[in-house]
Amino acid sequence: MSLDLSFFRSKTSQWLREMGREEGRAEGRVQERAHGIVAIMTAREVPLTADEVERVQSCTDEALLDRWFGRAVSAESAAELFAEG
């Protein structure tokens, strides 16, 4: 008895696999950026509370994480890191 596996080679299944890979890549970029922010602040000995670390690590907005990453290089406090504007 043989199974029909043609579905796994269809354009639809290929598209679904690619979408899953792209979502995984985006999630990986977000996680790396968040880790980098915390690592920079830690290396610079700028204290972050557990809540502030959680705020960074739970953020999924790439643009916001990019802003925080840029600020992490020079921020003297968590308040400066998270400052609006």
PDB file of N, CA and C in Angstrom:
ATOM      1  N   MET A   1       0.851  -1.176   0.000  1.00  0.00           N
ATOM      2  CA  MET A   1       0.000   0.000   0.000  1.00  0.00           C
ATOM      3  C   MET A   1       0.898   1.241   0.000  1.00  0.00           C
ATOM      4  N   SER A   2       0.591   2.193  -0.853  1.00  0.00           N
ATOM      5  CA  SER A   2       1.383   3.422  -0.895  1.00  0.00           C
ATOM      6  C   SER A   2       0.493   4.608  -0.533  1.00  0.00           C
ATOM      7  N   LEU A   3       1.143   5.622   0.021  1.00  0.00           N
ATOM      8  CA  LEU A   3       0.431   6.837   0.410  1.00  0.00           C
ATOM      9  C   LEU A   3       0.650   7.919  -0.632  1.00  0.00           C
ATOM     10  N   ASP A   4      -0.358   8.713  -0.853  1.00  0.00           N
ATOM     11  CA  ASP A   4      -0.237   9.845  -1.765  1.00  0.00           C
ATOM     12  C   ASP A   4       0.388  11.002  -0.988  1.00  0.00           C
ATOM     13  N   LEU A   5       1.634  11.290  -1.275  1.00  0.00           N
ATOM     14  CA  LEU A   5       2.342  12.369  -0.592  1.00  0.00           C
ATOM     15  C   LEU A   5       2.488  13.613  -1.475  1.00  0.00           C
ATOM     16  N   SER A   6       1.762  13.666  -2.550  1.00  0.00           N
ATOM     17  CA  SER A   6       1.890  14.795  -3.472  1.00  0.00           C
ATOM     18  C   SER A   6       1.528  16.126  -2.815  1.00  0.00           C
ATOM     19  N   PHE A   7       0.680  16.091  -1.789  1.00  0.00           N
ATOM     20  CA  PHE A   7       0.326  17.330  -1.094  1.00  0.00           C
ATOM     21  C   PHE A   7       1.561  18.046  -0.567  1.00  0.00           C
ATOM     22  N   PHE A   8       2.526  17.290  -0.099  1.00  0.00           N
ATOM     23  CA  PHE A   8       3.711  17.885   0.507  1.00  0.00           C
ATOM     24  C   PHE A   8       4.632  18.556  -0.504  1.00  0.00           C
ATOM     25  N   ARG A   9       4.363  18.351  -1.797  1.00  0.00           N
ATOM     26  CA  ARG A   9       5.148  18.986  -2.847  1.00  0.00           C
ATOM     27  C   ARG A   9       4.339  20.055  -3.579  1.00  0.00           C
ATOM     28  N   SER A  10       3.108  20.267  -3.155  1.00  0.00           N
ATOM     29  CA  SER A  10       2.249  21.234  -3.851  1.00  0.00           C
ATOM     30  C   SER A  10       2.717  22.660  -3.605  1.00  0.00           C
ATOM     31  N   LYS A  11       2.282  23.570  -4.452  1.00  0.00           N
ATOM     32  CA  LYS A  11       2.634  24.981  -4.288  1.00  0.00           C
ATOM     33  C   LYS A  11       2.097  25.530  -2.967  1.00  0.00           C
ATOM     34  N   THR A  12       0.930  25.071  -2.579  1.00  0.00           N
ATOM     35  CA  THR A  12       0.342  25.529  -1.319  1.00  0.00           C
ATOM     36  C   THR A  12       1.187  25.093  -0.141  1.00  0.00           C
ATOM     37  N   SER A  13       1.603  23.842  -0.116  1.00  0.00           N
ATOM     38  CA  SER A  13       2.407  23.372   1.014  1.00  0.00           C
ATOM     39  C   SER A  13       3.770  24.048   1.023  1.00  0.00           C
ATOM     40  N   GLN A  14       4.341  24.292  -0.149  1.00  0.00           N
ATOM     41  CA  GLN A  14       5.621  25.010  -0.207  1.00  0.00           C
ATOM     42  C   GLN A  14       5.467  26.428   0.321  1.00  0.00           C
ATOM     43  N   TRP A  15       4.369  27.074  -0.031  1.00  0.00           N
ATOM     44  CA  TRP A  15       4.099  28.428   0.451  1.00  0.00           C
ATOM     45  C   TRP A  15       3.950  28.437   1.974  1.00  0.00           C
ATOM     46  N   LEU A  16       3.221  27.464   2.503  1.00  0.00           N
ATOM     47  CA  LEU A  16       3.032  27.372   3.954  1.00  0.00           C
ATOM     48  C   LEU A  16       4.365  27.163   4.675  1.00  0.00           C
ATOM     49  N   ARG A  17       5.213  26.309   4.127  1.00  0.00           N
ATOM     50  CA  ARG A  17       6.526  26.091   4.744  1.00  0.00           C
ATOM     51  C   ARG A  17       7.345  27.371   4.733  1.00  0.00           C
ATOM     52  N   GLU A  18       7.318  28.095   3.621  1.00  0.00           N
ATOM     53  CA  GLU A  18       8.084  29.338   3.519  1.00  0.00           C
ATOM     54  C   GLU A  18       7.566  30.385   4.506  1.00  0.00           C
ATOM     55  N   MET A  19       6.247  30.466   4.647  1.00  0.00           N
ATOM     56  CA  MET A  19       5.677  31.415   5.615  1.00  0.00           C
ATOM     57  C   MET A  19       6.138  31.075   7.021  1.00  0.00           C
ATOM     58  N   GLY A  20       6.163  29.810   7.361  1.00  0.00           N
ATOM     59  CA  GLY A  20       6.630  29.382   8.674  1.00  0.00           C
ATOM     60  C   GLY A  20       8.089  29.738   8.889  1.00  0.00           C
ATOM     61  N   ARG A  21       8.908  29.561   7.852  1.00  0.00           N
ATOM     62  CA  ARG A  21      10.329  29.911   7.968  1.00  0.00           C
ATOM     63  C   ARG A  21      10.499  31.409   8.174  1.00  0.00           C
ATOM     64  N   GLU A  22       9.739  32.215   7.431  1.00  0.00           N
ATOM     65  CA  GLU A  22       9.861  33.671   7.564  1.00  0.00           C
ATOM     66  C   GLU A  22       9.424  34.127   8.950  1.00  0.00           C
ATOM     67  N   GLU A  23       8.334  33.563   9.454  1.00  0.00           N
ATOM     68  CA  GLU A  23       7.890  33.915  10.804  1.00  0.00           C
ATOM     69  C   GLU A  23       8.958  33.538  11.826  1.00  0.00           C
ATOM     70  N   GLY A  24       9.598  32.403  11.623  1.00  0.00           N
ATOM     71  CA  GLY A  24      10.665  31.973  12.523  1.00  0.00           C
ATOM     72  C   GLY A  24      11.856  32.909  12.469  1.00  0.00           C
ATOM     73  N   ARG A  25      12.191  33.375  11.277  1.00  0.00           N
ATOM     74  CA  ARG A  25      13.305  34.323  11.129  1.00  0.00           C
ATOM     75  C   ARG A  25      12.993  35.633  11.840  1.00  0.00           C
ATOM     76  N   ALA A  26      11.778  36.144  11.651  1.00  0.00           N
ATOM     77  CA  ALA A  26      11.385  37.401  12.288  1.00  0.00           C
ATOM     78  C   ALA A  26      11.410  37.266  13.806  1.00  0.00           C
ATOM     79  N   GLU A  27      10.906  36.149  14.307  1.00  0.00           N
ATOM     80  CA  GLU A  27      10.915  35.920  15.752  1.00  0.00           C
ATOM     81  C   GLU A  27      12.352  35.845  16.267  1.00  0.00           C
ATOM     82  N   GLY A  28      13.225  35.225  15.515  1.00  0.00           N
ATOM     83  CA  GLY A  28      14.632  35.141  15.904  1.00  0.00           C
ATOM     84  C   GLY A  28      15.292  36.507  15.954  1.00  0.00           C
ATOM     85  N   ARG A  29      14.976  37.367  14.973  1.00  0.00           N
ATOM     86  CA  ARG A  29      15.542  38.725  14.970  1.00  0.00           C
ATOM     87  C   ARG A  29      15.088  39.500  16.195  1.00  0.00           C
ATOM     88  N   VAL A  30      13.812  39.376  16.540  1.00  0.00           N
ATOM     89  CA  VAL A  30      13.271  40.075  17.705  1.00  0.00           C
ATOM     90  C   VAL A  30      13.965  39.590  18.977  1.00  0.00           C
ATOM     91  N   GLN A  31      14.110  38.294  19.122  1.00  0.00           N
ATOM     92  CA  GLN A  31      14.749  37.742  20.314  1.00  0.00           C
ATOM     93  C   GLN A  31      16.213  38.166  20.411  1.00  0.00           C
ATOM     94  N   GLU A  32      16.921  38.156  19.285  1.00  0.00           N
ATOM     95  CA  GLU A  32      18.317  38.582  19.284  1.00  0.00           C
ATOM     96  C   GLU A  32      18.462  40.049  19.665  1.00  0.00           C
ATOM     97  N   ARG A  33      17.575  40.879  19.127  1.00  0.00           N
ATOM     98  CA  ARG A  33      17.644  42.309  19.430  1.00  0.00           C
ATOM     99  C   ARG A  33      17.375  42.555  20.908  1.00  0.00           C
ATOM    100  N   ALA A  34      16.370  41.893  21.468  1.00  0.00           N
ATOM    101  CA  ALA A  34      16.052  42.048  22.892  1.00  0.00           C
ATOM    102  C   ALA A  34      17.216  41.581  23.750  1.00  0.00           C
ATOM    103  N   HIS A  35      17.793  40.446  23.402  1.00  0.00           N
ATOM    104  CA  HIS A  35      18.944  39.934  24.155  1.00  0.00           C
ATOM    105  C   HIS A  35      20.098  40.934  24.090  1.00  0.00           C
ATOM    106  N   GLY A  36      20.317  41.503  22.911  1.00  0.00           N
ATOM    107  CA  GLY A  36      21.388  42.476  22.753  1.00  0.00           C
ATOM    108  C   GLY A  36      21.202  43.709  23.618  1.00  0.00           C
ATOM    109  N   ILE A  37      19.988  44.182  23.726  1.00  0.00           N
ATOM    110  CA  ILE A  37      19.701  45.361  24.560  1.00  0.00           C
ATOM    111  C   ILE A  37      20.060  45.071  26.014  1.00  0.00           C
ATOM    112  N   VAL A  38      19.580  43.950  26.513  1.00  0.00           N
ATOM    113  CA  VAL A  38      19.860  43.588  27.907  1.00  0.00           C
ATOM    114  C   VAL A  38      21.358  43.382  28.097  1.00  0.00           C
ATOM    115  N   ALA A  39      22.019  42.736  27.147  1.00  0.00           N
ATOM    116  CA  ALA A  39      23.457  42.482  27.259  1.00  0.00           C
ATOM    117  C   ALA A  39      24.256  43.781  27.280  1.00  0.00           C
ATOM    118  N   ILE A  40      23.893  44.732  26.435  1.00  0.00           N
ATOM    119  CA  ILE A  40      24.596  46.015  26.405  1.00  0.00           C
ATOM    120  C   ILE A  40      24.418  46.751  27.730  1.00  0.00           C
ATOM    121  N   MET A  41      23.182  46.815  28.192  1.00  0.00           N
ATOM    122  CA  MET A  41      22.932  47.518  29.459  1.00  0.00           C
ATOM    123  C   MET A  41      23.689  46.844  30.610  1.00  0.00           C
ATOM    124  N   THR A  42      23.718  45.523  30.609  1.00  0.00           N
ATOM    125  CA  THR A  42      24.427  44.788  31.652  1.00  0.00           C
ATOM    126  C   THR A  42      25.927  45.045  31.556  1.00  0.00           C
ATOM    127  N   ALA A  43      26.478  44.985  30.369  1.00  0.00           N
ATOM    128  CA  ALA A  43      27.912  45.210  30.180  1.00  0.00           C
ATOM    129  C   ALA A  43      28.314  46.625  30.586  1.00  0.00           C
ATOM    130  N   ARG A  44      27.427  47.551  30.371  1.00  0.00           N
ATOM    131  CA  ARG A  44      27.700  48.941  30.740  1.00  0.00           C
ATOM    132  C   ARG A  44      27.384  49.217  32.207  1.00  0.00           C
ATOM    133  N   GLU A  45      26.923  48.181  32.905  1.00  0.00           N
ATOM    134  CA  GLU A  45      26.569  48.271  34.325  1.00  0.00           C
ATOM    135  C   GLU A  45      25.463  49.277  34.595  1.00  0.00           C
ATOM    136  N   VAL A  46      24.520  49.353  33.666  1.00  0.00           N
ATOM    137  CA  VAL A  46      23.315  50.160  33.854  1.00  0.00           C
ATOM    138  C   VAL A  46      22.247  49.191  34.354  1.00  0.00           C
ATOM    139  N   PRO A  47      21.800  49.373  35.597  1.00  0.00           N
ATOM    140  CA  PRO A  47      20.879  48.388  36.169  1.00  0.00           C
ATOM    141  C   PRO A  47      19.497  48.387  35.530  1.00  0.00           C
ATOM    142  N   LEU A  48      18.983  47.182  35.338  1.00  0.00           N
ATOM    143  CA  LEU A  48      17.607  46.981  34.892  1.00  0.00           C
ATOM    144  C   LEU A  48      16.917  46.090  35.908  1.00  0.00           C
ATOM    145  N   THR A  49      15.709  46.461  36.278  1.00  0.00           N
ATOM    146  CA  THR A  49      14.933  45.611  37.178  1.00  0.00           C
ATOM    147  C   THR A  49      14.438  44.392  36.402  1.00  0.00           C
ATOM    148  N   ALA A  50      13.953  43.406  37.116  1.00  0.00           N
ATOM    149  CA  ALA A  50      13.385  42.222  36.467  1.00  0.00           C
ATOM    150  C   ALA A  50      12.209  42.615  35.570  1.00  0.00           C
ATOM    151  N   ASP A  51      11.404  43.577  36.005  1.00  0.00           N
ATOM    152  CA  ASP A  51      10.276  44.041  35.189  1.00  0.00           C
ATOM    153  C   ASP A  51      10.752  44.717  33.895  1.00  0.00           C
ATOM    154  N   GLU A  52      11.845  45.473  33.996  1.00  0.00           N
ATOM    155  CA  GLU A  52      12.379  46.145  32.809  1.00  0.00           C
ATOM    156  C   GLU A  52      12.971  45.139  31.824  1.00  0.00           C
ATOM    157  N   VAL A  53      13.655  44.135  32.347  1.00  0.00           N
ATOM    158  CA  VAL A  53      14.176  43.068  31.483  1.00  0.00           C
ATOM    159  C   VAL A  53      13.016  42.354  30.798  1.00  0.00           C
ATOM    160  N   GLU A  54      11.963  42.073  31.551  1.00  0.00           N
ATOM    161  CA  GLU A  54      10.781  41.417  30.982  1.00  0.00           C
ATOM    162  C   GLU A  54      10.133  42.307  29.920  1.00  0.00           C
ATOM    163  N   ARG A  55      10.113  43.601  30.143  1.00  0.00           N
ATOM    164  CA  ARG A  55       9.547  44.531  29.156  1.00  0.00           C
ATOM    165  C   ARG A  55      10.302  44.437  27.839  1.00  0.00           C
ATOM    166  N   VAL A  56      11.623  44.394  27.916  1.00  0.00           N
ATOM    167  CA  VAL A  56      12.437  44.282  26.707  1.00  0.00           C
ATOM    168  C   VAL A  56      12.214  42.921  26.053  1.00  0.00           C
ATOM    169  N   GLN A  57      12.294  41.861  26.835  1.00  0.00           N
ATOM    170  CA  GLN A  57      12.220  40.515  26.277  1.00  0.00           C
ATOM    171  C   GLN A  57      10.836  40.148  25.752  1.00  0.00           C
ATOM    172  N   SER A  58       9.804  40.799  26.233  1.00  0.00           N
ATOM    173  CA  SER A  58       8.457  40.479  25.757  1.00  0.00           C
ATOM    174  C   SER A  58       8.008  41.379  24.597  1.00  0.00           C
ATOM    175  N   CYS A  59       8.820  42.370  24.256  1.00  0.00           N
ATOM    176  CA  CYS A  59       8.481  43.274  23.165  1.00  0.00           C
ATOM    177  C   CYS A  59       8.621  42.548  21.828  1.00  0.00           C
ATOM    178  N   THR A  60       7.641  42.714  20.964  1.00  0.00           N
ATOM    179  CA  THR A  60       7.679  42.090  19.638  1.00  0.00           C
ATOM    180  C   THR A  60       7.716  43.128  18.511  1.00  0.00           C
ATOM    181  N   ASP A  61       7.801  44.391  18.864  1.00  0.00           N
ATOM    182  CA  ASP A  61       7.838  45.484  17.890  1.00  0.00           C
ATOM    183  C   ASP A  61       9.294  45.737  17.477  1.00  0.00           C
ATOM    184  N   GLU A  62       9.649  45.305  16.262  1.00  0.00           N
ATOM    185  CA  GLU A  62      11.044  45.435  15.812  1.00  0.00           C
ATOM    186  C   GLU A  62      11.518  46.879  15.785  1.00  0.00           C
ATOM    187  N   ALA A  63      10.664  47.797  15.364  1.00  0.00           N
ATOM    188  CA  ALA A  63      11.056  49.207  15.298  1.00  0.00           C
ATOM    189  C   ALA A  63      11.362  49.753  16.686  1.00  0.00           C
ATOM    190  N   LEU A  64      10.546  49.410  17.663  1.00  0.00           N
ATOM    191  CA  LEU A  64      10.774  49.860  19.033  1.00  0.00           C
ATOM    192  C   LEU A  64      12.055  49.241  19.581  1.00  0.00           C
ATOM    193  N   LEU A  65      12.256  47.965  19.337  1.00  0.00           N
ATOM    194  CA  LEU A  65      13.489  47.315  19.788  1.00  0.00           C
ATOM    195  C   LEU A  65      14.708  47.955  19.147  1.00  0.00           C
ATOM    196  N   ASP A  66      14.616  48.356  17.893  1.00  0.00           N
ATOM    197  CA  ASP A  66      15.727  49.047  17.231  1.00  0.00           C
ATOM    198  C   ASP A  66      16.040  50.373  17.918  1.00  0.00           C
ATOM    199  N   ARG A  67      14.998  51.119  18.287  1.00  0.00           N
ATOM    200  CA  ARG A  67      15.212  52.389  18.997  1.00  0.00           C
ATOM    201  C   ARG A  67      15.882  52.139  20.340  1.00  0.00           C
ATOM    202  N   TRP A  68      15.362  51.165  21.087  1.00  0.00           N
ATOM    203  CA  TRP A  68      15.959  50.841  22.386  1.00  0.00           C
ATOM    204  C   TRP A  68      17.402  50.383  22.227  1.00  0.00           C
ATOM    205  N   PHE A  69      17.684  49.605  21.184  1.00  0.00           N
ATOM    206  CA  PHE A  69      19.037  49.114  20.952  1.00  0.00           C
ATOM    207  C   PHE A  69      19.992  50.284  20.741  1.00  0.00           C
ATOM    208  N   GLY A  70      19.569  51.242  19.931  1.00  0.00           N
ATOM    209  CA  GLY A  70      20.395  52.429  19.699  1.00  0.00           C
ATOM    210  C   GLY A  70      20.632  53.225  20.968  1.00  0.00           C
ATOM    211  N   ARG A  71      19.624  53.319  21.798  1.00  0.00           N
ATOM    212  CA  ARG A  71      19.750  54.059  23.059  1.00  0.00           C
ATOM    213  C   ARG A  71      20.590  53.309  24.090  1.00  0.00           C
ATOM    214  N   ALA A  72      20.577  51.982  24.026  1.00  0.00           N
ATOM    215  CA  ALA A  72      21.296  51.170  25.020  1.00  0.00           C
ATOM    216  C   ALA A  72      22.793  51.493  25.027  1.00  0.00           C
ATOM    217  N   VAL A  73      23.313  51.944  23.914  1.00  0.00           N
ATOM    218  CA  VAL A  73      24.739  52.256  23.806  1.00  0.00           C
ATOM    219  C   VAL A  73      25.124  53.437  24.684  1.00  0.00           C
ATOM    220  N   SER A  74      24.218  54.380  24.890  1.00  0.00           N
ATOM    221  CA  SER A  74      24.567  55.585  25.642  1.00  0.00           C
ATOM    222  C   SER A  74      23.671  55.867  26.850  1.00  0.00           C
ATOM    223  N   ALA A  75      22.588  55.146  27.009  1.00  0.00           N
ATOM    224  CA  ALA A  75      21.646  55.413  28.116  1.00  0.00           C
ATOM    225  C   ALA A  75      22.336  55.212  29.463  1.00  0.00           C
ATOM    226  N   GLU A  76      22.106  56.142  30.349  1.00  0.00           N
ATOM    227  CA  GLU A  76      22.673  56.066  31.697  1.00  0.00           C
ATOM    228  C   GLU A  76      21.695  55.457  32.692  1.00  0.00           C
ATOM    229  N   SER A  77      20.462  55.228  32.243  1.00  0.00           N
ATOM    230  CA  SER A  77      19.444  54.656  33.118  1.00  0.00           C
ATOM    231  C   SER A  77      18.376  53.970  32.267  1.00  0.00           C
ATOM    232  N   ALA A  78      17.576  53.161  32.930  1.00  0.00           N
ATOM    233  CA  ALA A  78      16.461  52.525  32.237  1.00  0.00           C
ATOM    234  C   ALA A  78      15.473  53.579  31.740  1.00  0.00           C
ATOM    235  N   ALA A  79      15.311  54.643  32.505  1.00  0.00           N
ATOM    236  CA  ALA A  79      14.413  55.719  32.093  1.00  0.00           C
ATOM    237  C   ALA A  79      14.833  56.302  30.747  1.00  0.00           C
ATOM    238  N   GLU A  80      16.146  56.478  30.546  1.00  0.00           N
ATOM    239  CA  GLU A  80      16.641  56.979  29.258  1.00  0.00           C
ATOM    240  C   GLU A  80      16.423  55.963  28.142  1.00  0.00           C
ATOM    241  N   LEU A  81      16.577  54.679  28.471  1.00  0.00           N
ATOM    242  CA  LEU A  81      16.361  53.626  27.488  1.00  0.00           C
ATOM    243  C   LEU A  81      14.930  53.638  26.980  1.00  0.00           C
ATOM    244  N   PHE A  82      13.979  53.755  27.898  1.00  0.00           N
ATOM    245  CA  PHE A  82      12.558  53.652  27.555  1.00  0.00           C
ATOM    246  C   PHE A  82      11.898  54.997  27.247  1.00  0.00           C
ATOM    247  N   ALA A  83      12.641  56.092  27.286  1.00  0.00           N
ATOM    248  CA  ALA A  83      12.074  57.425  27.073  1.00  0.00           C
ATOM    249  C   ALA A  83      11.345  57.513  25.744  1.00  0.00           C
ATOM    250  N   GLU A  84      10.210  58.156  25.761  1.00  0.00           N
ATOM    251  CA  GLU A  84       9.428  58.378  24.547  1.00  0.00           C
ATOM    252  C   GLU A  84       9.973  59.606  23.826  1.00  0.00           C
ATOM    253  N   GLY A  85       9.988  59.536  22.516  1.00  0.00           N
ATOM    254  CA  GLY A  85      10.386  60.690  21.732  1.00  0.00           C
ATOM    255  C   GLY A  85      11.837  60.879  21.534  1.00  0.00           C
TER     256      GLY A  85
END
